[in-house]
């Protein structure tokens, strides 16, 4: 009986030793060049999809995400909208307060966008002072409600840079699939047209793209 107990104890100790060796080996492998390289590759991939200033996804990612959403809705007969944003009088802001103030403004608006968007929405920096939201499973009027909340929040947010306080507003254009385009480039163009109309009509407003040129 004593021999059986000793054998069982020896087996248990061997098992524990094997487990310790395993986890020790795993810990060592975490720091091997191959694992470090994989981590760096993942971080590089993440950075390649992000805008360095705002932390939003970049234009390249937007193009891929838009096409992906287009493929999805075409496959499942769904809908979605895009909301294009342009900060009003941004050049004047840069000229008045400096480019660092302009960068701060972009960061603040991007942060508002991140906080107010839904989990399923994709926020990107399209370029310069232009930002964009992809809104899955969202028809035009529902997109307008979301966009108007964002516009109002930006208008109400005070900014401060080096002791100077100022405000910024945005203009926006909304286009929806399939009403405004059945290809990615058509949808982008439709949203851009609506955005241009918002700018021409006095800024700090949002236009939806349709044939009646209705706006908010």
Protein backbone atom coordinates (compact mmCIF):
# COMPACT_ATOMS: atom_id res chain seq x y z
CA UNK A 1 0.00 0.00 0.00
CA UNK A 2 2.89 2.29 0.92
CA UNK A 3 4.48 1.63 -2.48
CA UNK A 4 1.24 2.53 -4.25
CA UNK A 5 0.98 5.82 -2.33
CA UNK A 6 4.60 6.66 -3.15
CA UNK A 7 4.05 5.81 -6.82
CA UNK A 8 0.91 7.96 -6.92
CA UNK A 9 2.73 10.82 -5.19
CA UNK A 10 5.61 10.48 -7.61
CA UNK A 11 3.19 10.61 -10.56
CA UNK A 12 1.54 13.75 -9.14
CA UNK A 13 4.89 15.45 -8.66
CA UNK A 14 5.94 14.50 -12.19
CA UNK A 15 2.69 15.97 -13.53
CA UNK A 16 3.21 19.20 -11.56
CA UNK A 17 6.79 19.39 -12.80
CA UNK A 18 5.60 18.92 -16.38
CA UNK A 19 3.00 21.68 -15.95
CA UNK A 20 5.64 24.03 -14.50
CA UNK A 21 7.97 23.28 -17.42
CA UNK A 22 5.11 23.90 -19.86
CA UNK A 23 4.21 27.32 -18.48
CA UNK A 24 7.87 28.21 -18.14
CA UNK A 25 8.31 27.31 -21.80
CA UNK A 26 5.24 29.35 -22.79
CA UNK A 27 6.59 32.36 -20.90
CA UNK A 28 9.93 32.04 -22.67
CA UNK A 29 8.23 31.70 -26.04
CA UNK A 30 6.28 34.92 -25.50
CA UNK A 31 9.56 36.78 -25.67
CA UNK A 32 11.06 34.89 -28.58
CA UNK A 33 11.91 36.91 -31.73
CA UNK A 34 9.08 35.22 -33.67
CA UNK A 35 6.41 36.24 -31.14
CA UNK A 36 7.81 39.75 -30.80
CA UNK A 37 7.78 40.07 -34.58
CA UNK A 38 4.13 38.99 -34.72
CA UNK A 39 3.25 41.57 -32.07
CA UNK A 40 5.08 44.27 -34.00
CA UNK A 41 3.35 43.21 -37.21
CA UNK A 42 -0.07 43.46 -35.53
CA UNK A 43 0.78 46.89 -34.13
CA UNK A 44 2.03 48.05 -37.53
CA UNK A 45 -1.17 46.78 -39.14
CA UNK A 46 -3.23 48.65 -36.56
CA UNK A 47 -1.23 51.84 -37.13
CA UNK A 48 -1.58 51.51 -40.90
CA UNK A 49 -5.36 51.65 -40.45
CA UNK A 50 -5.35 54.63 -38.07
CA UNK A 51 -5.00 58.36 -38.55
CA UNK A 52 -2.06 59.53 -36.48
CA UNK A 53 -3.64 62.83 -35.38
CA UNK A 54 -7.24 61.93 -34.54
CA UNK A 55 -7.02 58.21 -33.78
CA UNK A 56 -9.89 57.57 -36.18
CA UNK A 57 -9.56 55.07 -39.00
CA UNK A 58 -7.82 56.52 -42.05
CA UNK A 59 -8.91 57.01 -45.67
CA UNK A 60 -7.48 53.67 -46.78
CA UNK A 61 -9.47 51.85 -44.13
CA UNK A 62 -12.60 53.82 -45.05
CA UNK A 63 -12.36 52.75 -48.69
CA UNK A 64 -12.10 49.09 -47.66
CA UNK A 65 -14.84 49.35 -45.02
CA UNK A 66 -17.22 51.11 -47.40
CA UNK A 67 -16.74 48.48 -50.08
CA UNK A 68 -17.17 45.75 -47.46
CA UNK A 69 -20.44 47.27 -46.27
CA UNK A 70 -21.57 47.66 -49.87
CA UNK A 71 -20.89 43.97 -50.54
CA UNK A 72 -22.75 42.97 -47.37
CA UNK A 73 -25.93 44.93 -48.09
CA UNK A 74 -25.99 43.79 -51.70
CA UNK A 75 -25.78 40.20 -50.52
CA UNK A 76 -28.47 40.51 -47.85
CA UNK A 77 -30.64 43.21 -49.45
CA UNK A 78 -29.99 45.68 -46.65
CA UNK A 79 -29.38 49.41 -46.35
CA UNK A 80 -26.82 51.80 -44.87
CA UNK A 81 -25.85 55.46 -44.91
CA UNK A 82 -22.70 57.56 -45.00
CA UNK A 83 -22.38 60.90 -43.21
CA UNK A 84 -19.67 63.20 -44.56
CA UNK A 85 -18.46 66.01 -42.29
CA UNK A 86 -16.45 69.12 -43.11
CA UNK A 87 -15.38 71.59 -40.41
CA UNK A 88 -16.55 75.10 -41.27
CA UNK A 89 -14.02 77.88 -41.92
CA UNK A 90 -11.15 75.60 -40.94
CA UNK A 91 -8.55 77.53 -42.95
CA UNK A 92 -9.57 80.75 -41.20
CA UNK A 93 -9.27 78.98 -37.84
CA UNK A 94 -5.72 77.86 -38.71
CA UNK A 95 -4.78 81.34 -39.91
CA UNK A 96 -6.21 82.99 -36.80
CA UNK A 97 -5.09 80.66 -34.03
CA UNK A 98 -2.37 78.57 -35.69
CA UNK A 99 -2.10 75.03 -36.96
CA UNK A 100 -1.75 73.57 -33.47
CA UNK A 101 -5.17 74.98 -32.62
CA UNK A 102 -6.45 73.39 -35.83
CA UNK A 103 -4.99 70.03 -34.78
CA UNK A 104 -6.63 70.37 -31.35
CA UNK A 105 -9.97 71.12 -33.02
CA UNK A 106 -9.74 68.02 -35.17
CA UNK A 107 -8.92 65.88 -32.13
CA UNK A 108 -11.86 67.28 -30.14
CA UNK A 109 -14.35 66.76 -32.98
CA UNK A 110 -12.97 63.25 -33.60
CA UNK A 111 -13.44 62.48 -29.90
CA UNK A 112 -17.06 63.69 -30.07
CA UNK A 113 -17.58 61.47 -33.09
CA UNK A 114 -16.15 58.44 -31.28
CA UNK A 115 -18.29 59.02 -28.18
CA UNK A 116 -21.56 59.72 -29.98
CA UNK A 117 -21.43 57.08 -32.69
CA UNK A 118 -23.01 53.69 -32.14
CA UNK A 119 -20.85 50.62 -31.60
CA UNK A 120 -21.52 49.34 -35.10
CA UNK A 121 -20.67 52.65 -36.81
CA UNK A 122 -17.25 53.29 -38.35
CA UNK A 123 -15.62 56.71 -37.87
CA UNK A 124 -12.81 57.76 -40.23
CA UNK A 125 -10.76 60.78 -41.16
CA UNK A 126 -11.33 61.16 -44.87
CA UNK A 127 -8.65 63.80 -45.34
CA UNK A 128 -7.77 67.30 -44.10
CA UNK A 129 -10.70 68.59 -42.07
CA UNK A 130 -13.11 66.01 -43.53
CA UNK A 131 -14.44 63.17 -41.38
CA UNK A 132 -16.95 60.46 -42.23
CA UNK A 133 -19.22 57.95 -40.54
CA UNK A 134 -20.43 54.68 -42.05
CA UNK A 135 -23.82 53.85 -40.52
CA UNK A 136 -24.85 50.19 -41.07
CA UNK A 137 -28.54 49.26 -41.30
CA UNK A 138 -29.50 52.94 -41.15
CA UNK A 139 -31.95 54.63 -43.46
CA UNK A 140 -31.59 58.27 -44.44
CA UNK A 141 -33.85 59.92 -41.86
CA UNK A 142 -32.41 57.88 -38.99
CA UNK A 143 -28.93 58.86 -40.16
CA UNK A 144 -30.06 62.48 -40.10
CA UNK A 145 -31.10 62.18 -36.44
CA UNK A 146 -27.66 60.81 -35.49
CA UNK A 147 -25.87 63.42 -37.61
CA UNK A 148 -27.86 66.29 -36.11
CA UNK A 149 -26.98 65.22 -32.57
CA UNK A 150 -23.29 65.27 -33.53
CA UNK A 151 -23.60 68.65 -35.26
CA UNK A 152 -25.28 70.17 -32.22
CA UNK A 153 -22.71 68.74 -29.79
CA UNK A 154 -19.84 70.17 -31.84
CA UNK A 155 -21.55 73.57 -32.00
CA UNK A 156 -22.00 73.62 -28.21
CA UNK A 157 -18.43 72.55 -27.38
CA UNK A 158 -16.07 75.36 -26.43
CA UNK A 159 -12.38 75.00 -27.28
CA UNK A 160 -9.38 76.64 -25.65
CA UNK A 161 -5.84 76.99 -26.90
CA UNK A 162 -3.10 79.05 -25.24
CA UNK A 163 -5.64 81.13 -23.32
CA UNK A 164 -7.83 81.79 -26.35
CA UNK A 165 -11.36 80.38 -26.52
CA UNK A 166 -13.23 79.66 -29.72
CA UNK A 167 -15.93 77.46 -31.22
CA UNK A 168 -16.22 75.42 -34.38
CA UNK A 169 -19.17 74.21 -36.42
CA UNK A 170 -19.55 71.55 -39.06
CA UNK A 171 -21.48 71.02 -42.26
CA UNK A 172 -22.58 67.58 -43.30
CA UNK A 173 -23.93 65.56 -46.20
CA UNK A 174 -25.81 62.26 -45.98
CA UNK A 175 -26.32 59.67 -48.69
CA UNK A 176 -27.88 56.22 -48.39
CA UNK A 177 -27.79 52.90 -50.17
CA UNK A 178 -29.61 52.04 -52.38
CA UNK A 179 -31.51 55.32 -52.92
CA UNK A 180 -28.46 57.49 -53.69
CA UNK A 181 -26.11 55.00 -55.28
CA UNK A 182 -25.54 51.29 -55.74
CA UNK A 183 -21.76 51.56 -56.02
CA UNK A 184 -19.30 52.91 -53.46
CA UNK A 185 -18.11 55.82 -55.64
CA UNK A 186 -21.71 56.83 -56.39
CA UNK A 187 -22.54 56.99 -52.69
CA UNK A 188 -19.45 59.06 -51.89
CA UNK A 189 -20.31 61.47 -54.70
CA UNK A 190 -23.92 61.81 -53.50
CA UNK A 191 -22.80 62.57 -49.93
CA UNK A 192 -20.26 65.08 -51.27
CA UNK A 193 -22.96 66.86 -53.30
CA UNK A 194 -25.17 67.10 -50.19
CA UNK A 195 -22.21 68.43 -48.19
CA UNK A 196 -21.52 71.07 -50.84
CA UNK A 197 -25.17 72.16 -50.70
CA UNK A 198 -24.94 72.49 -46.91
CA UNK A 199 -21.87 74.69 -47.27
CA UNK A 200 -23.48 76.84 -49.94
CA UNK A 201 -26.60 77.29 -47.81
CA UNK A 202 -24.80 78.93 -44.92
CA UNK A 203 -22.82 76.17 -43.14
CA UNK A 204 -23.49 74.61 -39.72
CA UNK A 205 -26.21 72.43 -41.20
CA UNK A 206 -26.76 69.00 -42.67
CA UNK A 207 -28.21 68.16 -46.06
CA UNK A 208 -29.53 64.80 -47.11
CA UNK A 209 -29.08 63.83 -50.71
CA UNK A 210 -32.32 63.43 -52.62
CA UNK A 211 -34.00 64.84 -55.63
CA UNK A 212 -36.14 67.25 -53.61
CA UNK A 213 -33.01 68.66 -51.92
CA UNK A 214 -34.61 68.48 -48.51
CA UNK A 215 -32.37 69.54 -45.67
CA UNK A 216 -32.27 69.92 -41.91
